[in-house]
N, C-alpha and C. Protein backbone atom coordinates (compact mmCIF):
# COMPACT_ATOMS: atom_id res chain seq x y z
N MET A 1 7.30 10.72 14.68
CA MET A 1 6.32 10.25 13.72
C MET A 1 6.86 10.37 12.30
N VAL A 2 6.48 9.46 11.46
CA VAL A 2 6.90 9.43 10.07
C VAL A 2 6.15 10.49 9.28
N THR A 3 6.85 11.19 8.40
CA THR A 3 6.22 12.14 7.49
C THR A 3 6.24 11.53 6.10
N LEU A 4 5.08 11.28 5.56
CA LEU A 4 4.97 10.68 4.23
C LEU A 4 4.57 11.72 3.20
N ARG A 5 4.88 11.43 1.94
CA ARG A 5 4.49 12.28 0.81
C ARG A 5 3.96 11.40 -0.33
N LEU A 6 3.31 10.31 0.00
CA LEU A 6 2.88 9.35 -1.01
C LEU A 6 1.70 9.85 -1.82
N SER A 7 0.75 10.50 -1.16
CA SER A 7 -0.43 11.01 -1.88
C SER A 7 -0.25 12.45 -2.33
N GLN A 8 0.77 13.10 -1.80
CA GLN A 8 1.04 14.52 -2.04
C GLN A 8 -0.07 15.40 -1.45
N ASP A 9 -0.83 14.85 -0.48
CA ASP A 9 -1.86 15.58 0.24
C ASP A 9 -1.54 15.44 1.74
N VAL A 10 -1.41 16.55 2.43
CA VAL A 10 -0.97 16.53 3.82
C VAL A 10 -1.88 15.68 4.70
N ASP A 11 -3.19 15.85 4.59
CA ASP A 11 -4.12 15.10 5.45
C ASP A 11 -4.10 13.61 5.13
N ALA A 12 -4.13 13.28 3.85
CA ALA A 12 -4.12 11.87 3.45
C ALA A 12 -2.82 11.20 3.85
N ASP A 13 -1.70 11.90 3.70
CA ASP A 13 -0.41 11.32 4.07
C ASP A 13 -0.29 11.14 5.58
N ALA A 14 -0.83 12.08 6.35
CA ALA A 14 -0.81 11.94 7.82
C ALA A 14 -1.66 10.73 8.23
N PHE A 15 -2.77 10.52 7.57
CA PHE A 15 -3.63 9.37 7.85
C PHE A 15 -2.85 8.08 7.60
N LEU A 16 -2.12 8.01 6.49
CA LEU A 16 -1.31 6.82 6.17
C LEU A 16 -0.23 6.59 7.22
N ALA A 17 0.41 7.67 7.66
CA ALA A 17 1.51 7.56 8.62
C ALA A 17 1.02 7.08 9.99
N GLU A 18 -0.21 7.42 10.34
CA GLU A 18 -0.74 7.10 11.67
C GLU A 18 -1.54 5.81 11.70
N ASP A 19 -2.00 5.32 10.57
CA ASP A 19 -2.91 4.17 10.54
C ASP A 19 -2.32 3.05 9.67
N PRO A 20 -1.80 1.99 10.30
CA PRO A 20 -1.18 0.90 9.54
C PRO A 20 -2.12 0.25 8.51
N LEU A 21 -3.41 0.11 8.85
CA LEU A 21 -4.33 -0.48 7.88
C LEU A 21 -4.52 0.45 6.68
N ALA A 22 -4.55 1.74 6.92
CA ALA A 22 -4.67 2.70 5.82
C ALA A 22 -3.47 2.58 4.88
N LEU A 23 -2.27 2.44 5.45
CA LEU A 23 -1.07 2.28 4.64
C LEU A 23 -1.16 1.02 3.78
N LEU A 24 -1.61 -0.07 4.38
CA LEU A 24 -1.74 -1.34 3.68
C LEU A 24 -2.78 -1.23 2.57
N VAL A 25 -3.89 -0.57 2.85
CA VAL A 25 -4.94 -0.39 1.84
C VAL A 25 -4.42 0.48 0.69
N GLY A 26 -3.68 1.54 1.02
CA GLY A 26 -3.11 2.37 -0.04
C GLY A 26 -2.20 1.57 -0.95
N MET A 27 -1.38 0.71 -0.35
CA MET A 27 -0.49 -0.13 -1.15
C MET A 27 -1.29 -1.09 -2.02
N LEU A 28 -2.33 -1.65 -1.48
CA LEU A 28 -3.19 -2.56 -2.24
C LEU A 28 -3.79 -1.84 -3.45
N LEU A 29 -4.25 -0.62 -3.26
CA LEU A 29 -4.91 0.13 -4.33
C LEU A 29 -3.95 0.68 -5.37
N ASP A 30 -2.66 0.63 -5.09
CA ASP A 30 -1.66 1.18 -6.00
C ASP A 30 -1.39 0.21 -7.16
N GLN A 31 -2.38 0.08 -8.03
CA GLN A 31 -2.23 -0.71 -9.25
C GLN A 31 -3.30 -0.25 -10.23
N GLN A 32 -2.89 -0.02 -11.45
CA GLN A 32 -3.78 0.45 -12.51
C GLN A 32 -4.57 1.68 -12.08
N PHE A 33 -3.91 2.55 -11.32
CA PHE A 33 -4.54 3.75 -10.77
C PHE A 33 -3.40 4.68 -10.38
N PRO A 34 -3.56 5.99 -10.57
CA PRO A 34 -2.46 6.91 -10.20
C PRO A 34 -2.06 6.74 -8.72
N MET A 35 -0.76 6.66 -8.50
CA MET A 35 -0.24 6.40 -7.17
C MET A 35 -0.78 7.37 -6.12
N GLU A 36 -0.77 8.65 -6.42
CA GLU A 36 -1.23 9.63 -5.43
C GLU A 36 -2.68 9.38 -5.05
N ARG A 37 -3.51 9.06 -6.02
CA ARG A 37 -4.93 8.80 -5.73
C ARG A 37 -5.09 7.51 -4.94
N ALA A 38 -4.30 6.50 -5.27
CA ALA A 38 -4.37 5.23 -4.53
C ALA A 38 -4.06 5.46 -3.06
N PHE A 39 -3.04 6.24 -2.77
CA PHE A 39 -2.64 6.47 -1.38
C PHE A 39 -3.49 7.53 -0.69
N ALA A 40 -4.26 8.32 -1.44
CA ALA A 40 -5.22 9.25 -0.84
C ALA A 40 -6.54 8.54 -0.53
N SER A 41 -6.81 7.45 -1.21
CA SER A 41 -8.10 6.76 -1.06
C SER A 41 -8.40 6.25 0.35
N PRO A 42 -7.42 5.75 1.12
CA PRO A 42 -7.76 5.32 2.49
C PRO A 42 -8.30 6.47 3.35
N TRP A 43 -7.74 7.65 3.19
CA TRP A 43 -8.23 8.81 3.94
C TRP A 43 -9.66 9.13 3.53
N GLU A 44 -9.91 9.11 2.22
CA GLU A 44 -11.27 9.38 1.73
C GLU A 44 -12.23 8.28 2.19
N LEU A 45 -11.77 7.03 2.19
CA LEU A 45 -12.60 5.93 2.68
C LEU A 45 -12.97 6.15 4.14
N GLY A 46 -12.00 6.53 4.95
CA GLY A 46 -12.27 6.82 6.36
C GLY A 46 -13.27 7.95 6.51
N ARG A 47 -13.12 8.98 5.70
CA ARG A 47 -14.06 10.11 5.73
C ARG A 47 -15.47 9.64 5.38
N ARG A 48 -15.58 8.82 4.34
CA ARG A 48 -16.90 8.32 3.93
C ARG A 48 -17.51 7.40 4.98
N MET A 49 -16.67 6.67 5.69
CA MET A 49 -17.17 5.78 6.75
C MET A 49 -17.42 6.53 8.05
N GLY A 50 -16.94 7.77 8.15
CA GLY A 50 -17.12 8.57 9.35
C GLY A 50 -16.19 8.17 10.48
N VAL A 51 -14.98 7.69 10.12
CA VAL A 51 -14.01 7.25 11.13
C VAL A 51 -12.69 7.98 10.96
N THR A 52 -11.93 8.03 12.03
CA THR A 52 -10.61 8.66 11.97
C THR A 52 -9.49 7.61 11.90
N ARG A 53 -9.89 6.34 11.90
CA ARG A 53 -8.94 5.24 11.80
C ARG A 53 -9.69 4.05 11.19
N LEU A 54 -9.06 3.37 10.23
CA LEU A 54 -9.69 2.21 9.62
C LEU A 54 -9.62 1.03 10.58
N ASP A 55 -10.69 0.25 10.63
CA ASP A 55 -10.78 -0.89 11.54
C ASP A 55 -11.02 -2.14 10.71
N ALA A 56 -10.14 -3.11 10.85
CA ALA A 56 -10.23 -4.34 10.06
C ALA A 56 -11.54 -5.07 10.29
N ALA A 57 -11.98 -5.15 11.53
CA ALA A 57 -13.23 -5.86 11.85
C ALA A 57 -14.43 -5.17 11.20
N ALA A 58 -14.47 -3.86 11.28
CA ALA A 58 -15.59 -3.10 10.70
C ALA A 58 -15.61 -3.25 9.18
N ILE A 59 -14.44 -3.17 8.55
CA ILE A 59 -14.38 -3.30 7.10
C ILE A 59 -14.76 -4.71 6.66
N ALA A 60 -14.24 -5.70 7.34
CA ALA A 60 -14.54 -7.10 6.98
C ALA A 60 -16.03 -7.40 7.15
N ALA A 61 -16.67 -6.79 8.13
CA ALA A 61 -18.08 -7.07 8.42
C ALA A 61 -19.04 -6.22 7.57
N PHE A 62 -18.53 -5.24 6.86
CA PHE A 62 -19.37 -4.34 6.08
C PHE A 62 -20.12 -5.11 5.00
N ASP A 63 -21.35 -4.75 4.75
CA ASP A 63 -22.09 -5.36 3.65
C ASP A 63 -21.32 -5.10 2.35
N PRO A 64 -20.97 -6.15 1.59
CA PRO A 64 -20.16 -5.97 0.38
C PRO A 64 -20.73 -4.99 -0.63
N ALA A 65 -22.03 -5.01 -0.84
CA ALA A 65 -22.64 -4.08 -1.81
C ALA A 65 -22.53 -2.64 -1.32
N GLU A 66 -22.75 -2.43 -0.03
CA GLU A 66 -22.63 -1.08 0.53
C GLU A 66 -21.18 -0.60 0.52
N PHE A 67 -20.26 -1.52 0.80
CA PHE A 67 -18.84 -1.15 0.79
C PHE A 67 -18.41 -0.79 -0.63
N ALA A 68 -18.86 -1.56 -1.60
CA ALA A 68 -18.55 -1.25 -3.01
C ALA A 68 -19.13 0.10 -3.40
N ALA A 69 -20.30 0.42 -2.87
CA ALA A 69 -20.91 1.73 -3.16
C ALA A 69 -20.05 2.87 -2.59
N LEU A 70 -19.45 2.64 -1.41
CA LEU A 70 -18.53 3.65 -0.86
C LEU A 70 -17.36 3.89 -1.81
N PHE A 71 -16.88 2.82 -2.43
CA PHE A 71 -15.76 2.92 -3.35
C PHE A 71 -16.16 3.60 -4.66
N ALA A 72 -17.39 3.37 -5.11
CA ALA A 72 -17.83 3.86 -6.40
C ALA A 72 -18.33 5.31 -6.37
N THR A 73 -18.70 5.81 -5.19
CA THR A 73 -19.19 7.18 -5.08
C THR A 73 -18.15 8.15 -5.64
N PRO A 74 -18.55 9.04 -6.55
CA PRO A 74 -17.57 9.98 -7.12
C PRO A 74 -16.95 10.88 -6.07
N PRO A 75 -15.68 11.15 -6.16
CA PRO A 75 -14.74 10.47 -7.06
C PRO A 75 -14.45 9.05 -6.56
N ALA A 76 -14.48 8.11 -7.48
CA ALA A 76 -14.26 6.71 -7.15
C ALA A 76 -12.90 6.54 -6.48
N LEU A 77 -12.84 5.59 -5.55
CA LEU A 77 -11.60 5.35 -4.81
C LEU A 77 -10.62 4.48 -5.59
N HIS A 78 -11.06 3.97 -6.73
CA HIS A 78 -10.18 3.19 -7.61
C HIS A 78 -10.82 3.11 -8.98
N ARG A 79 -10.01 2.81 -9.95
CA ARG A 79 -10.49 2.63 -11.32
C ARG A 79 -11.49 1.48 -11.41
N TYR A 80 -11.30 0.46 -10.59
CA TYR A 80 -12.19 -0.70 -10.51
C TYR A 80 -12.78 -0.76 -9.11
N PRO A 81 -13.74 0.09 -8.81
CA PRO A 81 -14.21 0.22 -7.42
C PRO A 81 -14.79 -1.06 -6.83
N GLN A 82 -15.60 -1.77 -7.57
CA GLN A 82 -16.23 -2.97 -7.00
C GLN A 82 -15.19 -4.04 -6.68
N ALA A 83 -14.32 -4.32 -7.63
CA ALA A 83 -13.30 -5.35 -7.43
C ALA A 83 -12.36 -4.98 -6.29
N MET A 84 -11.93 -3.72 -6.24
CA MET A 84 -10.99 -3.32 -5.21
C MET A 84 -11.64 -3.22 -3.83
N ALA A 85 -12.91 -2.88 -3.80
CA ALA A 85 -13.62 -2.90 -2.51
C ALA A 85 -13.60 -4.32 -1.95
N GLY A 86 -13.83 -5.30 -2.81
CA GLY A 86 -13.78 -6.70 -2.37
C GLY A 86 -12.40 -7.10 -1.88
N ARG A 87 -11.37 -6.62 -2.57
CA ARG A 87 -10.00 -6.94 -2.13
C ARG A 87 -9.68 -6.29 -0.80
N VAL A 88 -10.13 -5.07 -0.61
CA VAL A 88 -9.89 -4.39 0.67
C VAL A 88 -10.58 -5.17 1.79
N GLN A 89 -11.79 -5.63 1.56
CA GLN A 89 -12.47 -6.43 2.58
C GLN A 89 -11.73 -7.74 2.83
N ALA A 90 -11.18 -8.35 1.78
CA ALA A 90 -10.42 -9.59 1.95
C ALA A 90 -9.15 -9.35 2.76
N VAL A 91 -8.46 -8.24 2.50
CA VAL A 91 -7.27 -7.90 3.28
C VAL A 91 -7.65 -7.66 4.73
N ALA A 92 -8.74 -6.93 4.96
CA ALA A 92 -9.19 -6.67 6.33
C ALA A 92 -9.51 -7.98 7.05
N ALA A 93 -10.16 -8.90 6.36
CA ALA A 93 -10.48 -10.20 6.96
C ALA A 93 -9.21 -10.97 7.30
N HIS A 94 -8.20 -10.89 6.41
CA HIS A 94 -6.92 -11.56 6.66
C HIS A 94 -6.24 -10.97 7.90
N VAL A 95 -6.22 -9.65 7.98
CA VAL A 95 -5.61 -8.97 9.13
C VAL A 95 -6.34 -9.36 10.42
N LEU A 96 -7.64 -9.45 10.33
CA LEU A 96 -8.45 -9.84 11.48
C LEU A 96 -8.12 -11.27 11.91
N ASP A 97 -8.07 -12.18 10.96
CA ASP A 97 -7.80 -13.59 11.27
C ASP A 97 -6.36 -13.86 11.70
N ALA A 98 -5.41 -13.29 10.98
CA ALA A 98 -4.00 -13.61 11.22
C ALA A 98 -3.35 -12.75 12.32
N TYR A 99 -3.85 -11.53 12.51
CA TYR A 99 -3.19 -10.61 13.43
C TYR A 99 -4.15 -9.97 14.44
N ASP A 100 -5.29 -10.62 14.65
CA ASP A 100 -6.30 -10.12 15.60
C ASP A 100 -6.69 -8.67 15.32
N GLY A 101 -6.67 -8.28 14.05
CA GLY A 101 -7.06 -6.93 13.66
C GLY A 101 -5.99 -5.88 13.83
N ASP A 102 -4.83 -6.25 14.33
CA ASP A 102 -3.73 -5.30 14.56
C ASP A 102 -2.78 -5.35 13.36
N THR A 103 -3.00 -4.52 12.38
CA THR A 103 -2.25 -4.54 11.13
C THR A 103 -0.75 -4.44 11.35
N ALA A 104 -0.32 -3.60 12.26
CA ALA A 104 1.12 -3.38 12.47
C ALA A 104 1.84 -4.66 12.90
N ARG A 105 1.13 -5.59 13.49
CA ARG A 105 1.76 -6.86 13.87
C ARG A 105 2.30 -7.60 12.65
N LEU A 106 1.69 -7.37 11.50
CA LEU A 106 2.15 -8.01 10.27
C LEU A 106 3.65 -7.78 10.09
N TRP A 107 4.12 -6.57 10.37
CA TRP A 107 5.54 -6.27 10.22
C TRP A 107 6.29 -6.19 11.53
N LEU A 108 5.66 -5.77 12.61
CA LEU A 108 6.39 -5.64 13.87
C LEU A 108 6.77 -6.98 14.47
N ASP A 109 5.99 -8.02 14.20
CA ASP A 109 6.28 -9.35 14.74
C ASP A 109 7.20 -10.17 13.84
N ALA A 110 7.51 -9.67 12.66
CA ALA A 110 8.40 -10.40 11.74
C ALA A 110 9.84 -10.26 12.22
N THR A 111 10.54 -11.37 12.36
CA THR A 111 11.91 -11.33 12.89
C THR A 111 12.97 -11.28 11.79
N THR A 112 12.60 -11.60 10.56
CA THR A 112 13.54 -11.54 9.44
C THR A 112 12.86 -10.91 8.24
N GLY A 113 13.66 -10.45 7.31
CA GLY A 113 13.12 -9.90 6.08
C GLY A 113 12.36 -10.95 5.29
N ALA A 114 12.87 -12.18 5.29
CA ALA A 114 12.20 -13.27 4.57
C ALA A 114 10.82 -13.54 5.16
N GLU A 115 10.72 -13.51 6.50
CA GLU A 115 9.43 -13.72 7.14
C GLU A 115 8.47 -12.58 6.82
N LEU A 116 8.98 -11.36 6.84
CA LEU A 116 8.16 -10.20 6.51
C LEU A 116 7.62 -10.32 5.08
N LEU A 117 8.49 -10.67 4.16
CA LEU A 117 8.08 -10.83 2.77
C LEU A 117 7.01 -11.92 2.65
N ARG A 118 7.21 -13.04 3.32
CA ARG A 118 6.24 -14.13 3.28
C ARG A 118 4.89 -13.67 3.82
N ARG A 119 4.89 -12.92 4.90
CA ARG A 119 3.65 -12.43 5.49
C ARG A 119 2.91 -11.48 4.54
N VAL A 120 3.67 -10.59 3.91
CA VAL A 120 3.04 -9.63 3.00
C VAL A 120 2.50 -10.36 1.76
N LYS A 121 3.27 -11.32 1.25
CA LYS A 121 2.81 -12.08 0.08
C LYS A 121 1.56 -12.91 0.38
N ALA A 122 1.31 -13.21 1.63
CA ALA A 122 0.13 -13.98 2.02
C ALA A 122 -1.15 -13.13 1.98
N LEU A 123 -1.01 -11.82 1.87
CA LEU A 123 -2.16 -10.93 1.82
C LEU A 123 -2.88 -11.05 0.48
N PRO A 124 -4.21 -11.05 0.49
CA PRO A 124 -4.94 -11.06 -0.78
C PRO A 124 -4.56 -9.83 -1.63
N GLY A 125 -4.27 -10.07 -2.90
CA GLY A 125 -3.94 -8.97 -3.81
C GLY A 125 -2.49 -8.55 -3.80
N PHE A 126 -1.64 -9.22 -3.03
CA PHE A 126 -0.22 -8.86 -2.96
C PHE A 126 0.61 -9.96 -3.63
N GLY A 127 1.06 -9.68 -4.84
CA GLY A 127 1.97 -10.59 -5.51
C GLY A 127 3.39 -10.33 -5.07
N ASP A 128 4.33 -10.98 -5.72
CA ASP A 128 5.74 -10.86 -5.34
C ASP A 128 6.25 -9.42 -5.44
N GLN A 129 6.01 -8.77 -6.57
CA GLN A 129 6.53 -7.42 -6.76
C GLN A 129 5.92 -6.44 -5.75
N LYS A 130 4.61 -6.45 -5.60
CA LYS A 130 3.95 -5.54 -4.65
C LYS A 130 4.45 -5.80 -3.23
N ALA A 131 4.63 -7.07 -2.88
CA ALA A 131 5.12 -7.41 -1.54
C ALA A 131 6.53 -6.87 -1.33
N ARG A 132 7.40 -7.01 -2.32
CA ARG A 132 8.76 -6.49 -2.19
C ARG A 132 8.78 -4.97 -2.07
N ILE A 133 7.93 -4.31 -2.83
CA ILE A 133 7.83 -2.85 -2.74
C ILE A 133 7.36 -2.44 -1.34
N PHE A 134 6.39 -3.17 -0.79
CA PHE A 134 5.89 -2.83 0.54
C PHE A 134 6.96 -3.04 1.60
N VAL A 135 7.73 -4.12 1.49
CA VAL A 135 8.84 -4.35 2.41
C VAL A 135 9.83 -3.18 2.33
N ALA A 136 10.12 -2.73 1.10
CA ALA A 136 11.02 -1.59 0.92
C ALA A 136 10.43 -0.32 1.52
N LEU A 137 9.15 -0.10 1.32
CA LEU A 137 8.49 1.08 1.89
C LEU A 137 8.58 1.07 3.41
N LEU A 138 8.32 -0.07 4.01
CA LEU A 138 8.42 -0.19 5.47
C LEU A 138 9.85 0.08 5.94
N GLY A 139 10.82 -0.48 5.24
CA GLY A 139 12.21 -0.31 5.64
C GLY A 139 12.72 1.10 5.46
N LYS A 140 12.41 1.67 4.31
CA LYS A 140 12.95 2.99 3.99
C LYS A 140 12.23 4.13 4.71
N GLN A 141 10.92 4.04 4.86
CA GLN A 141 10.19 5.19 5.40
C GLN A 141 9.64 4.98 6.81
N PHE A 142 9.58 3.72 7.27
CA PHE A 142 9.07 3.46 8.62
C PHE A 142 10.13 2.83 9.52
N ASP A 143 11.33 2.66 9.00
CA ASP A 143 12.43 2.09 9.76
C ASP A 143 12.12 0.69 10.28
N VAL A 144 11.30 -0.06 9.54
CA VAL A 144 11.01 -1.46 9.87
C VAL A 144 12.07 -2.27 9.14
N ARG A 145 13.07 -2.72 9.88
CA ARG A 145 14.24 -3.32 9.25
C ARG A 145 14.69 -4.61 9.93
N PRO A 146 13.86 -5.65 9.86
CA PRO A 146 14.34 -6.92 10.41
C PRO A 146 15.52 -7.41 9.56
N GLU A 147 16.35 -8.25 10.15
CA GLU A 147 17.53 -8.74 9.45
C GLU A 147 17.14 -9.31 8.08
N GLY A 148 17.84 -8.83 7.04
CA GLY A 148 17.60 -9.31 5.68
C GLY A 148 16.47 -8.59 4.95
N TRP A 149 16.01 -7.46 5.46
CA TRP A 149 14.90 -6.76 4.81
C TRP A 149 15.27 -6.27 3.42
N ARG A 150 16.51 -5.77 3.26
CA ARG A 150 16.91 -5.28 1.93
C ARG A 150 16.93 -6.41 0.91
N GLU A 151 17.43 -7.56 1.32
CA GLU A 151 17.46 -8.72 0.43
C GLU A 151 16.04 -9.13 0.06
N ALA A 152 15.15 -9.10 1.05
CA ALA A 152 13.75 -9.46 0.79
C ALA A 152 13.09 -8.46 -0.16
N ALA A 153 13.46 -7.19 -0.04
CA ALA A 153 12.90 -6.15 -0.91
C ALA A 153 13.50 -6.20 -2.30
N GLY A 154 14.64 -6.84 -2.46
CA GLY A 154 15.30 -6.90 -3.76
C GLY A 154 15.77 -5.51 -4.19
N ALA A 155 15.68 -5.24 -5.47
CA ALA A 155 16.15 -3.95 -6.01
C ALA A 155 15.40 -2.76 -5.39
N TYR A 156 14.18 -2.99 -4.93
CA TYR A 156 13.40 -1.91 -4.32
C TYR A 156 14.00 -1.44 -3.00
N GLY A 157 14.86 -2.25 -2.40
CA GLY A 157 15.49 -1.89 -1.13
C GLY A 157 16.77 -1.10 -1.29
N GLU A 158 17.26 -0.94 -2.52
CA GLU A 158 18.50 -0.20 -2.74
C GLU A 158 18.36 1.24 -2.26
N ASP A 159 19.43 1.74 -1.63
CA ASP A 159 19.41 3.10 -1.08
C ASP A 159 19.10 4.18 -2.10
N SER A 160 19.76 4.17 -3.23
CA SER A 160 19.62 5.27 -4.18
C SER A 160 18.56 5.00 -5.24
N SER A 161 17.72 4.04 -5.01
CA SER A 161 16.69 3.64 -5.96
C SER A 161 15.60 4.70 -6.11
N THR A 162 15.08 4.81 -7.31
CA THR A 162 13.85 5.60 -7.55
C THR A 162 12.93 4.73 -8.40
N ARG A 163 12.68 3.51 -7.91
CA ARG A 163 11.91 2.52 -8.64
C ARG A 163 10.43 2.49 -8.29
N SER A 164 10.09 2.90 -7.07
CA SER A 164 8.73 2.63 -6.59
C SER A 164 8.29 3.65 -5.55
N VAL A 165 7.08 3.43 -5.07
CA VAL A 165 6.51 4.26 -4.03
C VAL A 165 7.40 4.29 -2.78
N ALA A 166 8.18 3.25 -2.57
CA ALA A 166 9.08 3.21 -1.41
C ALA A 166 10.08 4.37 -1.42
N ASP A 167 10.31 4.93 -2.60
CA ASP A 167 11.30 5.99 -2.76
C ASP A 167 10.70 7.39 -2.84
N VAL A 168 9.39 7.50 -2.77
CA VAL A 168 8.73 8.80 -2.93
C VAL A 168 8.73 9.55 -1.59
N THR A 169 9.43 10.68 -1.61
CA THR A 169 9.50 11.52 -0.41
C THR A 169 9.07 12.96 -0.71
N GLY A 170 8.66 13.22 -1.92
CA GLY A 170 8.22 14.55 -2.32
C GLY A 170 7.98 14.59 -3.81
N PRO A 171 7.64 15.78 -4.34
CA PRO A 171 7.34 15.90 -5.76
C PRO A 171 8.50 15.49 -6.69
N GLU A 172 9.74 15.79 -6.28
CA GLU A 172 10.89 15.46 -7.13
C GLU A 172 11.09 13.95 -7.24
N THR A 173 11.01 13.25 -6.12
CA THR A 173 11.20 11.80 -6.17
C THR A 173 9.99 11.12 -6.82
N LEU A 174 8.81 11.70 -6.68
CA LEU A 174 7.64 11.17 -7.38
C LEU A 174 7.89 11.23 -8.89
N GLN A 175 8.40 12.34 -9.36
CA GLN A 175 8.70 12.47 -10.79
C GLN A 175 9.80 11.49 -11.22
N ALA A 176 10.81 11.31 -10.39
CA ALA A 176 11.88 10.37 -10.72
C ALA A 176 11.35 8.94 -10.81
N VAL A 177 10.45 8.57 -9.91
CA VAL A 177 9.84 7.24 -9.95
C VAL A 177 9.01 7.10 -11.22
N ARG A 178 8.26 8.13 -11.58
CA ARG A 178 7.46 8.08 -12.81
C ARG A 178 8.37 7.89 -14.03
N GLU A 179 9.47 8.60 -14.06
CA GLU A 179 10.40 8.48 -15.19
C GLU A 179 11.00 7.08 -15.24
N PHE A 180 11.34 6.51 -14.08
CA PHE A 180 11.89 5.16 -14.04
C PHE A 180 10.87 4.16 -14.59
N LYS A 181 9.62 4.27 -14.15
CA LYS A 181 8.58 3.35 -14.60
C LYS A 181 8.32 3.49 -16.09
N LYS A 182 8.33 4.70 -16.58
CA LYS A 182 8.11 4.95 -18.01
C LYS A 182 9.23 4.31 -18.82
N ALA A 183 10.46 4.48 -18.38
CA ALA A 183 11.61 3.88 -19.08
C ALA A 183 11.55 2.36 -19.01
N ALA A 184 11.15 1.81 -17.87
CA ALA A 184 11.05 0.35 -17.73
C ALA A 184 9.98 -0.21 -18.66
N LYS A 185 8.86 0.49 -18.79
CA LYS A 185 7.79 0.04 -19.70
C LYS A 185 8.26 0.08 -21.14
N ALA A 186 8.96 1.16 -21.49
CA ALA A 186 9.46 1.27 -22.86
C ALA A 186 10.46 0.16 -23.17
N LYS A 187 11.33 -0.16 -22.21
CA LYS A 187 12.31 -1.22 -22.38
C LYS A 187 11.63 -2.58 -22.53
N ALA A 188 10.61 -2.83 -21.72
CA ALA A 188 9.87 -4.10 -21.81
C ALA A 188 9.13 -4.21 -23.13
N LYS A 189 8.58 -3.11 -23.59
CA LYS A 189 7.87 -3.10 -24.87
C LYS A 189 8.84 -3.37 -26.02
N GLU A 190 10.00 -2.77 -25.94
CA GLU A 190 11.03 -2.98 -26.97
C GLU A 190 11.50 -4.43 -26.97
N ALA A 191 11.69 -5.00 -25.77
CA ALA A 191 12.16 -6.37 -25.66
C ALA A 191 11.12 -7.36 -26.18
N ALA A 192 9.84 -7.00 -26.11
CA ALA A 192 8.77 -7.89 -26.57
C ALA A 192 8.65 -7.93 -28.09
N ARG A 193 9.28 -6.99 -28.77
CA ARG A 193 9.19 -6.95 -30.24
C ARG A 193 10.02 -8.01 -30.89
């Protein structure tokens, strides 16, 4: 079994490692919100729903207002609970329609890195960068490595990279990723002047 350190919480990380939909939801929530909290949120969502595994059909069928309320209950599961609750339901509906509710098929059935990237980019809320990071996360930490996965992941697939969540394996690498992102933001800000 995979040992993750994305949320820096043992229970939340075990939930991510065992539940493919939880991992996908954590990746979706990892924007404009602290990474550790984004990846802890699927575990908290499961706790609030009273389940030990997230189910795409159940999430997609949930009343949108009630689902948003689950997200907004303190502590909120995201900085933008209502919007992200809707995105999570959209991802669940996509998984239900495209993969019969079996989230892992999204990556296990992909025969090439390019196909995997295309599948991830087709998910609601997953742009090019987020999709490449997720491909790298799958390759580096879950050993999901169809031919060409590193190329599909781009720079995020590099072995010695500390660019993204794909590289977080503990507190030290979390700090290295934070420093990389801070430096990248400063460089982009300087270039915009």
